[in-house]
Amino acid sequence: ELALDHPGEVPGLGDVVQVVAGAGIANALKKDGTVWVWGSNWQRQFGFAAPTDQPSPTRGWVLEPRQVPGLPPVTALAVG
């Protein structure tokens, strides 16, 4: 499980060329053009359903990086 309170290596996520982060969300761009996300997905903005709709400590949070589905190869990330 990832620690949310301090930076560190993300287990199992290699070949990363760029990382961007915002309020409650982190994104990683891999060499192959895939985008991986973790953090608050409570509005399903990652392109897949939130982990749960029920009240719990992880409500709407994706704690392990998951690939964003349906994107063509990406060359750069930005936080708005």
PDB file of N, CA and C in Angstrom:
ATOM      1  N   GLU A   1       0.846  -1.178   0.000  1.00  0.00           N
ATOM      2  CA  GLU A   1       0.000   0.000   0.000  1.00  0.00           C
ATOM      3  C   GLU A   1       0.889   1.237   0.000  1.00  0.00           C
ATOM      4  N   LEU A   2       0.495   2.237  -0.773  1.00  0.00           N
ATOM      5  CA  LEU A   2       1.281   3.456  -0.889  1.00  0.00           C
ATOM      6  C   LEU A   2       1.058   4.376   0.299  1.00  0.00           C
ATOM      7  N   ALA A   3       2.116   5.054   0.712  1.00  0.00           N
ATOM      8  CA  ALA A   3       1.993   6.073   1.748  1.00  0.00           C
ATOM      9  C   ALA A   3       1.531   7.364   1.096  1.00  0.00           C
ATOM     10  N   LEU A   4       0.548   8.011   1.661  1.00  0.00           N
ATOM     11  CA  LEU A   4       0.015   9.236   1.084  1.00  0.00           C
ATOM     12  C   LEU A   4       0.620  10.488   1.689  1.00  0.00           C
ATOM     13  N   ASP A   5       1.463  10.337   2.705  1.00  0.00           N
ATOM     14  CA  ASP A   5       1.925  11.517   3.427  1.00  0.00           C
ATOM     15  C   ASP A   5       3.355  11.936   3.130  1.00  0.00           C
ATOM     16  N   HIS A   6       4.078  11.203   2.286  1.00  0.00           N
ATOM     17  CA  HIS A   6       5.445  11.613   1.954  1.00  0.00           C
ATOM     18  C   HIS A   6       5.867  10.999   0.611  1.00  0.00           C
ATOM     19  N   PRO A   7       6.767  11.688  -0.099  1.00  0.00           N
ATOM     20  CA  PRO A   7       7.196  11.161  -1.393  1.00  0.00           C
ATOM     21  C   PRO A   7       8.054   9.916  -1.231  1.00  0.00           C
ATOM     22  N   GLY A   8       8.085   9.105  -2.248  1.00  0.00           N
ATOM     23  CA  GLY A   8       8.910   7.911  -2.241  1.00  0.00           C
ATOM     24  C   GLY A   8       8.737   7.138  -3.520  1.00  0.00           C
ATOM     25  N   GLU A   9       9.477   6.052  -3.639  1.00  0.00           N
ATOM     26  CA  GLU A   9       9.379   5.200  -4.813  1.00  0.00           C
ATOM     27  C   GLU A   9       8.006   4.541  -4.864  1.00  0.00           C
ATOM     28  N   VAL A  10       7.462   4.455  -6.050  1.00  0.00           N
ATOM     29  CA  VAL A  10       6.177   3.789  -6.237  1.00  0.00           C
ATOM     30  C   VAL A  10       6.470   2.364  -6.694  1.00  0.00           C
ATOM     31  N   PRO A  11       6.211   1.379  -5.844  1.00  0.00           N
ATOM     32  CA  PRO A  11       6.509  -0.013  -6.193  1.00  0.00           C
ATOM     33  C   PRO A  11       5.793  -0.456  -7.467  1.00  0.00           C
ATOM     34  N   GLY A  12       6.529  -1.158  -8.324  1.00  0.00           N
ATOM     35  CA  GLY A  12       5.937  -1.727  -9.519  1.00  0.00           C
ATOM     36  C   GLY A  12       5.737  -0.765 -10.671  1.00  0.00           C
ATOM     37  N   LEU A  13       6.186   0.476 -10.540  1.00  0.00           N
ATOM     38  CA  LEU A  13       5.995   1.458 -11.604  1.00  0.00           C
ATOM     39  C   LEU A  13       7.368   1.856 -12.140  1.00  0.00           C
ATOM     40  N   GLY A  14       7.765   1.247 -13.261  1.00  0.00           N
ATOM     41  CA  GLY A  14       9.082   1.506 -13.842  1.00  0.00           C
ATOM     42  C   GLY A  14       8.971   2.206 -15.179  1.00  0.00           C
ATOM     43  N   ASP A  15      10.119   2.569 -15.744  1.00  0.00           N
ATOM     44  CA  ASP A  15      10.211   3.241 -17.043  1.00  0.00           C
ATOM     45  C   ASP A  15       9.416   4.539 -17.089  1.00  0.00           C
ATOM     46  N   VAL A  16       9.396   5.273 -15.980  1.00  0.00           N
ATOM     47  CA  VAL A  16       8.670   6.543 -15.896  1.00  0.00           C
ATOM     48  C   VAL A  16       9.563   7.672 -16.400  1.00  0.00           C
ATOM     49  N   VAL A  17       9.004   8.518 -17.277  1.00  0.00           N
ATOM     50  CA  VAL A  17       9.751   9.644 -17.816  1.00  0.00           C
ATOM     51  C   VAL A  17       9.277  10.979 -17.255  1.00  0.00           C
ATOM     52  N   GLN A  18       8.078  11.009 -16.670  1.00  0.00           N
ATOM     53  CA  GLN A  18       7.554  12.253 -16.105  1.00  0.00           C
ATOM     54  C   GLN A  18       6.534  11.928 -15.021  1.00  0.00           C
ATOM     55  N   VAL A  19       6.536  12.733 -13.974  1.00  0.00           N
ATOM     56  CA  VAL A  19       5.546  12.629 -12.905  1.00  0.00           C
ATOM     57  C   VAL A  19       5.003  14.027 -12.650  1.00  0.00           C
ATOM     58  N   VAL A  20       3.693  14.145 -12.537  1.00  0.00           N
ATOM     59  CA  VAL A  20       3.070  15.401 -12.130  1.00  0.00           C
ATOM     60  C   VAL A  20       2.065  15.082 -11.031  1.00  0.00           C
ATOM     61  N   ALA A  21       1.872  16.034 -10.144  1.00  0.00           N
ATOM     62  CA  ALA A  21       0.947  15.825  -9.026  1.00  0.00           C
ATOM     63  C   ALA A  21       0.161  17.097  -8.761  1.00  0.00           C
ATOM     64  N   GLY A  22      -1.016  16.904  -8.248  1.00  0.00           N
ATOM     65  CA  GLY A  22      -1.881  18.009  -7.861  1.00  0.00           C
ATOM     66  C   GLY A  22      -2.529  17.673  -6.535  1.00  0.00           C
ATOM     67  N   ALA A  23      -3.589  18.352  -6.201  1.00  0.00           N
ATOM     68  CA  ALA A  23      -4.280  18.133  -4.937  1.00  0.00           C
ATOM     69  C   ALA A  23      -4.909  16.746  -4.907  1.00  0.00           C
ATOM     70  N   GLY A  24      -4.277  15.823  -4.194  1.00  0.00           N
ATOM     71  CA  GLY A  24      -4.830  14.490  -4.007  1.00  0.00           C
ATOM     72  C   GLY A  24      -4.685  13.554  -5.189  1.00  0.00           C
ATOM     73  N   ILE A  25      -3.842  13.885  -6.165  1.00  0.00           N
ATOM     74  CA  ILE A  25      -3.710  13.047  -7.352  1.00  0.00           C
ATOM     75  C   ILE A  25      -2.267  13.068  -7.839  1.00  0.00           C
ATOM     76  N   ALA A  26      -1.815  11.936  -8.357  1.00  0.00           N
ATOM     77  CA  ALA A  26      -0.493  11.838  -8.968  1.00  0.00           C
ATOM     78  C   ALA A  26      -0.636  11.119 -10.304  1.00  0.00           C
ATOM     79  N   ASN A  27       0.185  11.531 -11.265  1.00  0.00           N
ATOM     80  CA  ASN A  27       0.168  10.963 -12.615  1.00  0.00           C
ATOM     81  C   ASN A  27       1.593  10.637 -13.016  1.00  0.00           C
ATOM     82  N   ALA A  28       1.763   9.517 -13.676  1.00  0.00           N
ATOM     83  CA  ALA A  28       3.080   9.143 -14.184  1.00  0.00           C
ATOM     84  C   ALA A  28       2.944   8.802 -15.663  1.00  0.00           C
ATOM     85  N   LEU A  29       3.883   9.314 -16.456  1.00  0.00           N
ATOM     86  CA  LEU A  29       3.961   9.001 -17.874  1.00  0.00           C
ATOM     87  C   LEU A  29       5.112   8.035 -18.067  1.00  0.00           C
ATOM     88  N   LYS A  30       4.812   6.889 -18.682  1.00  0.00           N
ATOM     89  CA  LYS A  30       5.842   5.888 -18.930  1.00  0.00           C
ATOM     90  C   LYS A  30       6.410   6.058 -20.345  1.00  0.00           C
ATOM     91  N   LYS A  31       7.583   5.481 -20.571  1.00  0.00           N
ATOM     92  CA  LYS A  31       8.256   5.560 -21.874  1.00  0.00           C
ATOM     93  C   LYS A  31       7.366   5.116 -23.021  1.00  0.00           C
ATOM     94  N   ASP A  32       6.488   4.170 -22.769  1.00  0.00           N
ATOM     95  CA  ASP A  32       5.630   3.641 -23.834  1.00  0.00           C
ATOM     96  C   ASP A  32       4.420   4.526 -24.142  1.00  0.00           C
ATOM     97  N   GLY A  33       4.305   5.688 -23.470  1.00  0.00           N
ATOM     98  CA  GLY A  33       3.217   6.620 -23.724  1.00  0.00           C
ATOM     99  C   GLY A  33       1.971   6.375 -22.904  1.00  0.00           C
ATOM    100  N   THR A  34       2.005   5.388 -22.005  1.00  0.00           N
ATOM    101  CA  THR A  34       0.843   5.138 -21.146  1.00  0.00           C
ATOM    102  C   THR A  34       0.884   6.068 -19.938  1.00  0.00           C
ATOM    103  N   VAL A  35      -0.300   6.402 -19.440  1.00  0.00           N
ATOM    104  CA  VAL A  35      -0.441   7.272 -18.271  1.00  0.00           C
ATOM    105  C   VAL A  35      -1.005   6.447 -17.131  1.00  0.00           C
ATOM    106  N   TRP A  36      -0.373   6.576 -15.978  1.00  0.00           N
ATOM    107  CA  TRP A  36      -0.770   5.846 -14.777  1.00  0.00           C
ATOM    108  C   TRP A  36      -1.139   6.859 -13.708  1.00  0.00           C
ATOM    109  N   VAL A  37      -2.212   6.596 -12.965  1.00  0.00           N
ATOM    110  CA  VAL A  37      -2.724   7.544 -11.980  1.00  0.00           C
ATOM    111  C   VAL A  37      -2.989   6.857 -10.649  1.00  0.00           C
ATOM    112  N   TRP A  38      -2.956   7.655  -9.585  1.00  0.00           N
ATOM    113  CA  TRP A  38      -3.380   7.201  -8.269  1.00  0.00           C
ATOM    114  C   TRP A  38      -3.723   8.425  -7.449  1.00  0.00           C
ATOM    115  N   GLY A  39      -4.531   8.204  -6.427  1.00  0.00           N
ATOM    116  CA  GLY A  39      -5.001   9.296  -5.575  1.00  0.00           C
ATOM    117  C   GLY A  39      -6.516   9.342  -5.564  1.00  0.00           C
ATOM    118  N   SER A  40      -7.052  10.553  -5.426  1.00  0.00           N
ATOM    119  CA  SER A  40      -8.493  10.727  -5.310  1.00  0.00           C
ATOM    120  C   SER A  40      -9.185  10.587  -6.654  1.00  0.00           C
ATOM    121  N   ASN A  41     -10.033   9.585  -6.754  1.00  0.00           N
ATOM    122  CA  ASN A  41     -10.815   9.328  -7.968  1.00  0.00           C
ATOM    123  C   ASN A  41     -12.301   9.433  -7.646  1.00  0.00           C
ATOM    124  N   TRP A  42     -12.651  10.225  -6.672  1.00  0.00           N
ATOM    125  CA  TRP A  42     -14.027  10.249  -6.185  1.00  0.00           C
ATOM    126  C   TRP A  42     -15.018  10.781  -7.211  1.00  0.00           C
ATOM    127  N   GLN A  43     -14.551  11.482  -8.242  1.00  0.00           N
ATOM    128  CA  GLN A  43     -15.453  11.909  -9.316  1.00  0.00           C
ATOM    129  C   GLN A  43     -15.255  11.062 -10.573  1.00  0.00           C
ATOM    130  N   ARG A  44     -14.540   9.948 -10.432  1.00  0.00           N
ATOM    131  CA  ARG A  44     -14.267   9.014 -11.530  1.00  0.00           C
ATOM    132  C   ARG A  44     -13.521   9.691 -12.682  1.00  0.00           C
ATOM    133  N   GLN A  45     -12.705  10.675 -12.352  1.00  0.00           N
ATOM    134  CA  GLN A  45     -11.975  11.413 -13.374  1.00  0.00           C
ATOM    135  C   GLN A  45     -10.823  10.621 -13.991  1.00  0.00           C
ATOM    136  N   PHE A  46     -10.484   9.464 -13.438  1.00  0.00           N
ATOM    137  CA  PHE A  46      -9.399   8.657 -13.989  1.00  0.00           C
ATOM    138  C   PHE A  46      -9.839   7.841 -15.199  1.00  0.00           C
ATOM    139  N   GLY A  47     -11.128   7.791 -15.462  1.00  0.00           N
ATOM    140  CA  GLY A  47     -11.613   7.013 -16.595  1.00  0.00           C
ATOM    141  C   GLY A  47     -12.076   5.622 -16.221  1.00  0.00           C
ATOM    142  N   PHE A  48     -12.074   5.329 -14.932  1.00  0.00           N
ATOM    143  CA  PHE A  48     -12.611   4.063 -14.448  1.00  0.00           C
ATOM    144  C   PHE A  48     -13.311   4.326 -13.122  1.00  0.00           C
ATOM    145  N   ALA A  49     -14.147   3.403 -12.713  1.00  0.00           N
ATOM    146  CA  ALA A  49     -14.958   3.594 -11.509  1.00  0.00           C
ATOM    147  C   ALA A  49     -14.099   3.739 -10.259  1.00  0.00           C
ATOM    148  N   ALA A  50     -14.604   4.513  -9.307  1.00  0.00           N
ATOM    149  CA  ALA A  50     -13.954   4.627  -8.006  1.00  0.00           C
ATOM    150  C   ALA A  50     -13.984   3.266  -7.324  1.00  0.00           C
ATOM    151  N   PRO A  51     -13.024   2.989  -6.424  1.00  0.00           N
ATOM    152  CA  PRO A  51     -12.970   1.684  -5.777  1.00  0.00           C
ATOM    153  C   PRO A  51     -14.245   1.301  -5.028  1.00  0.00           C
ATOM    154  N   THR A  52     -14.940   2.264  -4.470  1.00  0.00           N
ATOM    155  CA  THR A  52     -16.137   1.950  -3.699  1.00  0.00           C
ATOM    156  C   THR A  52     -17.023   3.174  -3.588  1.00  0.00           C
ATOM    157  N   ASP A  53     -18.310   2.953  -3.453  1.00  0.00           N
ATOM    158  CA  ASP A  53     -19.248   4.034  -3.198  1.00  0.00           C
ATOM    159  C   ASP A  53     -19.620   4.090  -1.718  1.00  0.00           C
ATOM    160  N   GLN A  54     -19.132   3.139  -0.959  1.00  0.00           N
ATOM    161  CA  GLN A  54     -19.486   3.049   0.451  1.00  0.00           C
ATOM    162  C   GLN A  54     -18.496   3.817   1.317  1.00  0.00           C
ATOM    163  N   PRO A  55     -18.947   4.391   2.419  1.00  0.00           N
ATOM    164  CA  PRO A  55     -18.011   5.054   3.319  1.00  0.00           C
ATOM    165  C   PRO A  55     -16.952   4.075   3.822  1.00  0.00           C
ATOM    166  N   SER A  56     -15.714   4.442   3.676  1.00  0.00           N
ATOM    167  CA  SER A  56     -14.603   3.636   4.154  1.00  0.00           C
ATOM    168  C   SER A  56     -13.344   4.492   4.077  1.00  0.00           C
ATOM    169  N   PRO A  57     -12.245   4.046   4.666  1.00  0.00           N
ATOM    170  CA  PRO A  57     -11.010   4.835   4.602  1.00  0.00           C
ATOM    171  C   PRO A  57     -10.499   5.089   3.181  1.00  0.00           C
ATOM    172  N   THR A  58     -10.841   4.216   2.222  1.00  0.00           N
ATOM    173  CA  THR A  58     -10.354   4.400   0.856  1.00  0.00           C
ATOM    174  C   THR A  58     -11.447   4.867  -0.094  1.00  0.00           C
ATOM    175  N   ARG A  59     -12.529   5.420   0.411  1.00  0.00           N
ATOM    176  CA  ARG A  59     -13.648   5.826  -0.440  1.00  0.00           C
ATOM    177  C   ARG A  59     -13.167   6.739  -1.568  1.00  0.00           C
ATOM    178  N   GLY A  60     -13.251   6.222  -2.785  1.00  0.00           N
ATOM    179  CA  GLY A  60     -12.891   7.007  -3.946  1.00  0.00           C
ATOM    180  C   GLY A  60     -11.404   7.153  -4.177  1.00  0.00           C
ATOM    181  N   TRP A  61     -10.569   6.549  -3.348  1.00  0.00           N
ATOM    182  CA  TRP A  61      -9.118   6.667  -3.507  1.00  0.00           C
ATOM    183  C   TRP A  61      -8.550   5.425  -4.174  1.00  0.00           C
ATOM    184  N   VAL A  62      -7.697   5.647  -5.153  1.00  0.00           N
ATOM    185  CA  VAL A  62      -6.969   4.572  -5.815  1.00  0.00           C
ATOM    186  C   VAL A  62      -5.571   4.601  -5.212  1.00  0.00           C
ATOM    187  N   LEU A  63      -5.216   3.573  -4.454  1.00  0.00           N
ATOM    188  CA  LEU A  63      -3.960   3.580  -3.710  1.00  0.00           C
ATOM    189  C   LEU A  63      -2.802   2.949  -4.468  1.00  0.00           C
ATOM    190  N   GLU A  64      -3.093   2.200  -5.507  1.00  0.00           N
ATOM    191  CA  GLU A  64      -2.061   1.599  -6.349  1.00  0.00           C
ATOM    192  C   GLU A  64      -2.197   2.202  -7.743  1.00  0.00           C
ATOM    193  N   PRO A  65      -1.092   2.530  -8.417  1.00  0.00           N
ATOM    194  CA  PRO A  65      -1.188   3.111  -9.756  1.00  0.00           C
ATOM    195  C   PRO A  65      -1.959   2.210 -10.710  1.00  0.00           C
ATOM    196  N   ARG A  66      -2.820   2.836 -11.502  1.00  0.00           N
ATOM    197  CA  ARG A  66      -3.594   2.121 -12.518  1.00  0.00           C
ATOM    198  C   ARG A  66      -3.488   2.882 -13.821  1.00  0.00           C
ATOM    199  N   GLN A  67      -3.436   2.156 -14.922  1.00  0.00           N
ATOM    200  CA  GLN A  67      -3.339   2.784 -16.226  1.00  0.00           C
ATOM    201  C   GLN A  67      -4.663   3.438 -16.602  1.00  0.00           C
ATOM    202  N   VAL A  68      -4.587   4.655 -17.148  1.00  0.00           N
ATOM    203  CA  VAL A  68      -5.780   5.330 -17.652  1.00  0.00           C
ATOM    204  C   VAL A  68      -6.167   4.652 -18.964  1.00  0.00           C
ATOM    205  N   PRO A  69      -7.397   4.138 -19.045  1.00  0.00           N
ATOM    206  CA  PRO A  69      -7.804   3.402 -20.245  1.00  0.00           C
ATOM    207  C   PRO A  69      -8.166   4.326 -21.405  1.00  0.00           C
ATOM    208  N   GLY A  70      -7.967   3.822 -22.624  1.00  0.00           N
ATOM    209  CA  GLY A  70      -8.486   4.487 -23.807  1.00  0.00           C
ATOM    210  C   GLY A  70      -7.697   5.675 -24.333  1.00  0.00           C
ATOM    211  N   LEU A  71      -6.509   5.920 -23.822  1.00  0.00           N
ATOM    212  CA  LEU A  71      -5.721   7.047 -24.320  1.00  0.00           C
ATOM    213  C   LEU A  71      -4.796   6.602 -25.444  1.00  0.00           C
ATOM    214  N   PRO A  72      -4.639   7.466 -26.467  1.00  0.00           N
ATOM    215  CA  PRO A  72      -3.580   7.176 -27.441  1.00  0.00           C
ATOM    216  C   PRO A  72      -2.241   7.450 -26.749  1.00  0.00           C
ATOM    217  N   PRO A  73      -1.120   7.069 -27.346  1.00  0.00           N
ATOM    218  CA  PRO A  73       0.171   7.346 -26.702  1.00  0.00           C
ATOM    219  C   PRO A  73       0.330   8.831 -26.370  1.00  0.00           C
ATOM    220  N   VAL A  74       0.752   9.107 -25.147  1.00  0.00           N
ATOM    221  CA  VAL A  74       0.896  10.476 -24.636  1.00  0.00           C
ATOM    222  C   VAL A  74       2.386  10.846 -24.643  1.00  0.00           C
ATOM    223  N   THR A  75       2.683  12.129 -24.910  1.00  0.00           N
ATOM    224  CA  THR A  75       4.090  12.565 -24.942  1.00  0.00           C
ATOM    225  C   THR A  75       4.457  13.478 -23.782  1.00  0.00           C
ATOM    226  N   ALA A  76       3.472  14.076 -23.103  1.00  0.00           N
ATOM    227  CA  ALA A  76       3.770  14.955 -21.966  1.00  0.00           C
ATOM    228  C   ALA A  76       2.528  15.101 -21.096  1.00  0.00           C
ATOM    229  N   LEU A  77       2.753  15.420 -19.821  1.00  0.00           N
ATOM    230  CA  LEU A  77       1.682  15.636 -18.858  1.00  0.00           C
ATOM    231  C   LEU A  77       1.722  17.078 -18.356  1.00  0.00           C
ATOM    232  N   ALA A  78       0.596  17.576 -17.885  1.00  0.00           N
ATOM    233  CA  ALA A  78       0.526  18.896 -17.260  1.00  0.00           C
ATOM    234  C   ALA A  78      -0.556  18.863 -16.193  1.00  0.00           C
ATOM    235  N   VAL A  79      -0.409  19.692 -15.188  1.00  0.00           N
ATOM    236  CA  VAL A  79      -1.426  19.822 -14.139  1.00  0.00           C
ATOM    237  C   VAL A  79      -2.069  21.191 -14.295  1.00  0.00           C
ATOM    238  N   GLY A  80      -3.387  21.203 -14.283  1.00  0.00           N
ATOM    239  CA  GLY A  80      -4.090  22.470 -14.446  1.00  0.00           C
ATOM    240  C   GLY A  80      -4.756  22.913 -13.201  1.00  0.00           C
TER     241      GLY A  80
END
